[in-house]
């Protein structure tokens, strides 16, 4: 067995384990729906949706991201996290440009104006 086949089998094994975790989480979710509630007078479930309890797509995304460098995440949580990271990166870049005075130079040349 070559290294490439070993990595492929290891990824498959991890995906199988993720599926087992999903099965266990489903069972735990069903138990939780019966037992775990908030509020004493009018009990409500702690989690409204299964994805709040266990996000199978996020687990699969983290496994596949280890083996595929160009893999794009499919879970909404991962997509939101990527959007937040991009936003924070742009804010940091804006603050760096503002601190260095390059944004003022743009305004002087007739670029974007305040207001």
C-alpha atoms as a PDB file:
ATOM      1  CA  UNK A   1       0.000   0.000   0.000  1.00  0.00           C
ATOM      2  CA  UNK A   2       1.462   3.309  -1.080  1.00  0.00           C
ATOM      3  CA  UNK A   3       1.322   6.578   0.803  1.00  0.00           C
ATOM      4  CA  UNK A   4      -1.412   7.969  -1.432  1.00  0.00           C
ATOM      5  CA  UNK A   5      -3.634   4.931  -0.867  1.00  0.00           C
ATOM      6  CA  UNK A   6      -2.931   5.098   2.877  1.00  0.00           C
ATOM      7  CA  UNK A   7      -4.098   8.732   3.000  1.00  0.00           C
ATOM      8  CA  UNK A   8      -7.199   7.874   0.997  1.00  0.00           C
ATOM      9  CA  UNK A   9      -8.073   5.000   3.325  1.00  0.00           C
ATOM     10  CA  UNK A  10      -7.407   7.155   6.386  1.00  0.00           C
ATOM     11  CA  UNK A  11      -9.716   9.866   5.047  1.00  0.00           C
ATOM     12  CA  UNK A  12     -12.403   7.249   4.379  1.00  0.00           C
ATOM     13  CA  UNK A  13     -12.008   5.901   7.913  1.00  0.00           C
ATOM     14  CA  UNK A  14     -12.345   9.395   9.385  1.00  0.00           C
ATOM     15  CA  UNK A  15     -15.471  10.015   7.313  1.00  0.00           C
ATOM     16  CA  UNK A  16     -16.925   6.727   8.592  1.00  0.00           C
ATOM     17  CA  UNK A  17     -16.185   7.849  12.145  1.00  0.00           C
ATOM     18  CA  UNK A  18     -17.914  11.154  11.423  1.00  0.00           C
ATOM     19  CA  UNK A  19     -20.968   9.227  10.265  1.00  0.00           C
ATOM     20  CA  UNK A  20     -20.914   7.192  13.487  1.00  0.00           C
ATOM     21  CA  UNK A  21     -20.696  10.424  15.466  1.00  0.00           C
ATOM     22  CA  UNK A  22     -23.681  11.703  13.511  1.00  0.00           C
ATOM     23  CA  UNK A  23     -25.638   8.551  14.374  1.00  0.00           C
ATOM     24  CA  UNK A  24     -24.762   8.882  18.048  1.00  0.00           C
ATOM     25  CA  UNK A  25     -25.628  12.578  18.012  1.00  0.00           C
ATOM     26  CA  UNK A  26     -28.987  11.768  16.421  1.00  0.00           C
ATOM     27  CA  UNK A  27     -29.753   9.352  19.233  1.00  0.00           C
ATOM     28  CA  UNK A  28     -28.587  11.881  21.819  1.00  0.00           C
ATOM     29  CA  UNK A  29     -30.733  14.537  20.105  1.00  0.00           C
ATOM     30  CA  UNK A  30     -33.803  12.372  20.386  1.00  0.00           C
ATOM     31  CA  UNK A  31     -33.046  11.711  24.068  1.00  0.00           C
ATOM     32  CA  UNK A  32     -32.444  15.399  24.638  1.00  0.00           C
ATOM     33  CA  UNK A  33     -35.758  16.324  23.053  1.00  0.00           C
ATOM     34  CA  UNK A  34     -37.466  14.193  25.672  1.00  0.00           C
ATOM     35  CA  UNK A  35     -35.379  15.138  28.719  1.00  0.00           C
ATOM     36  CA  UNK A  36     -33.423  18.382  28.419  1.00  0.00           C
ATOM     37  CA  UNK A  37     -35.682  21.397  28.577  1.00  0.00           C
ATOM     38  CA  UNK A  38     -35.507  24.968  29.821  1.00  0.00           C
ATOM     39  CA  UNK A  39     -38.149  26.631  31.907  1.00  0.00           C
ATOM     40  CA  UNK A  40     -40.040  25.002  34.745  1.00  0.00           C
ATOM     41  CA  UNK A  41     -43.600  26.121  34.032  1.00  0.00           C
ATOM     42  CA  UNK A  42     -43.608  25.796  30.254  1.00  0.00           C
ATOM     43  CA  UNK A  43     -40.656  23.575  29.280  1.00  0.00           C
ATOM     44  CA  UNK A  44     -39.081  24.111  25.867  1.00  0.00           C
ATOM     45  CA  UNK A  45     -36.265  22.153  24.211  1.00  0.00           C
ATOM     46  CA  UNK A  46     -32.783  23.620  24.653  1.00  0.00           C
ATOM     47  CA  UNK A  47     -32.025  23.273  20.933  1.00  0.00           C
ATOM     48  CA  UNK A  48     -34.546  24.097  18.239  1.00  0.00           C
ATOM     49  CA  UNK A  49     -32.743  22.338  15.386  1.00  0.00           C
ATOM     50  CA  UNK A  50     -30.451  19.330  15.189  1.00  0.00           C
ATOM     51  CA  UNK A  51     -27.711  21.425  13.534  1.00  0.00           C
ATOM     52  CA  UNK A  52     -27.493  23.540  16.691  1.00  0.00           C
ATOM     53  CA  UNK A  53     -26.771  20.348  18.621  1.00  0.00           C
ATOM     54  CA  UNK A  54     -24.369  18.649  16.165  1.00  0.00           C
ATOM     55  CA  UNK A  55     -23.209  20.005  12.794  1.00  0.00           C
ATOM     56  CA  UNK A  56     -22.272  16.955  10.723  1.00  0.00           C
ATOM     57  CA  UNK A  57     -21.318  19.063   7.715  1.00  0.00           C
ATOM     58  CA  UNK A  58     -18.805  21.037   9.780  1.00  0.00           C
ATOM     59  CA  UNK A  59     -17.137  17.804  10.917  1.00  0.00           C
ATOM     60  CA  UNK A  60     -16.955  16.499   7.341  1.00  0.00           C
ATOM     61  CA  UNK A  61     -15.625  19.878   6.185  1.00  0.00           C
ATOM     62  CA  UNK A  62     -12.814  19.800   8.746  1.00  0.00           C
ATOM     63  CA  UNK A  63     -11.829  16.249   7.708  1.00  0.00           C
ATOM     64  CA  UNK A  64     -11.901  16.941   3.979  1.00  0.00           C
ATOM     65  CA  UNK A  65     -10.038  20.235   4.403  1.00  0.00           C
ATOM     66  CA  UNK A  66      -7.085  18.298   5.864  1.00  0.00           C
ATOM     67  CA  UNK A  67      -6.726  16.172   2.728  1.00  0.00           C
ATOM     68  CA  UNK A  68      -7.887  18.514  -0.040  1.00  0.00           C
ATOM     69  CA  UNK A  69      -6.144  21.897  -0.036  1.00  0.00           C
ATOM     70  CA  UNK A  70      -8.649  23.397  -2.496  1.00  0.00           C
ATOM     71  CA  UNK A  71     -11.734  22.108  -0.679  1.00  0.00           C
ATOM     72  CA  UNK A  72     -14.495  24.686  -0.186  1.00  0.00           C
ATOM     73  CA  UNK A  73     -16.557  24.312   2.989  1.00  0.00           C
ATOM     74  CA  UNK A  74     -20.240  23.521   2.539  1.00  0.00           C
ATOM     75  CA  UNK A  75     -21.610  24.024   6.043  1.00  0.00           C
ATOM     76  CA  UNK A  76     -23.204  27.376   6.760  1.00  0.00           C
ATOM     77  CA  UNK A  77     -21.181  27.749   9.935  1.00  0.00           C
ATOM     78  CA  UNK A  78     -17.922  27.346   7.983  1.00  0.00           C
ATOM     79  CA  UNK A  79     -19.065  29.791   5.332  1.00  0.00           C
ATOM     80  CA  UNK A  80     -19.978  32.350   8.000  1.00  0.00           C
ATOM     81  CA  UNK A  81     -16.632  31.868   9.711  1.00  0.00           C
ATOM     82  CA  UNK A  82     -14.818  32.436   6.395  1.00  0.00           C
ATOM     83  CA  UNK A  83     -16.875  35.579   5.777  1.00  0.00           C
ATOM     84  CA  UNK A  84     -16.027  36.900   9.259  1.00  0.00           C
ATOM     85  CA  UNK A  85     -12.335  36.160   8.725  1.00  0.00           C
ATOM     86  CA  UNK A  86     -12.381  37.998   5.385  1.00  0.00           C
ATOM     87  CA  UNK A  87     -14.214  40.942   6.953  1.00  0.00           C
ATOM     88  CA  UNK A  88     -11.731  41.145   9.822  1.00  0.00           C
ATOM     89  CA  UNK A  89      -8.838  40.944   7.361  1.00  0.00           C
ATOM     90  CA  UNK A  90     -10.273  43.839   5.351  1.00  0.00           C
ATOM     91  CA  UNK A  91     -10.853  45.915   8.493  1.00  0.00           C
ATOM     92  CA  UNK A  92      -7.247  45.339   9.553  1.00  0.00           C
ATOM     93  CA  UNK A  93      -6.055  46.366   6.077  1.00  0.00           C
ATOM     94  CA  UNK A  94      -8.221  49.500   6.196  1.00  0.00           C
ATOM     95  CA  UNK A  95      -6.855  50.456   9.622  1.00  0.00           C
ATOM     96  CA  UNK A  96      -3.309  49.858   8.424  1.00  0.00           C
ATOM     97  CA  UNK A  97      -3.850  52.101   5.387  1.00  0.00           C
ATOM     98  CA  UNK A  98      -5.542  54.761   7.488  1.00  0.00           C
ATOM     99  CA  UNK A  99      -2.720  54.715  10.031  1.00  0.00           C
ATOM    100  CA  UNK A 100      -0.080  55.034   7.308  1.00  0.00           C
ATOM    101  CA  UNK A 101      -1.934  57.998   5.792  1.00  0.00           C
ATOM    102  CA  UNK A 102      -2.550  56.445   2.386  1.00  0.00           C
ATOM    103  CA  UNK A 103      -6.305  56.978   2.624  1.00  0.00           C
ATOM    104  CA  UNK A 104      -5.782  60.734   3.033  1.00  0.00           C
ATOM    105  CA  UNK A 105      -3.640  60.775  -0.113  1.00  0.00           C
ATOM    106  CA  UNK A 106      -6.510  59.190  -2.043  1.00  0.00           C
ATOM    107  CA  UNK A 107      -8.874  61.913  -0.885  1.00  0.00           C
ATOM    108  CA  UNK A 108      -6.384  64.647  -1.882  1.00  0.00           C
ATOM    109  CA  UNK A 109      -6.093  63.218  -5.414  1.00  0.00           C
ATOM    110  CA  UNK A 110      -9.841  63.388  -5.911  1.00  0.00           C
ATOM    111  CA  UNK A 111     -10.642  59.810  -5.077  1.00  0.00           C
ATOM    112  CA  UNK A 112     -13.406  58.811  -2.689  1.00  0.00           C
ATOM    113  CA  UNK A 113     -14.844  61.619  -0.642  1.00  0.00           C
ATOM    114  CA  UNK A 114     -16.237  61.596   2.840  1.00  0.00           C
ATOM    115  CA  UNK A 115     -19.959  61.810   3.238  1.00  0.00           C
END
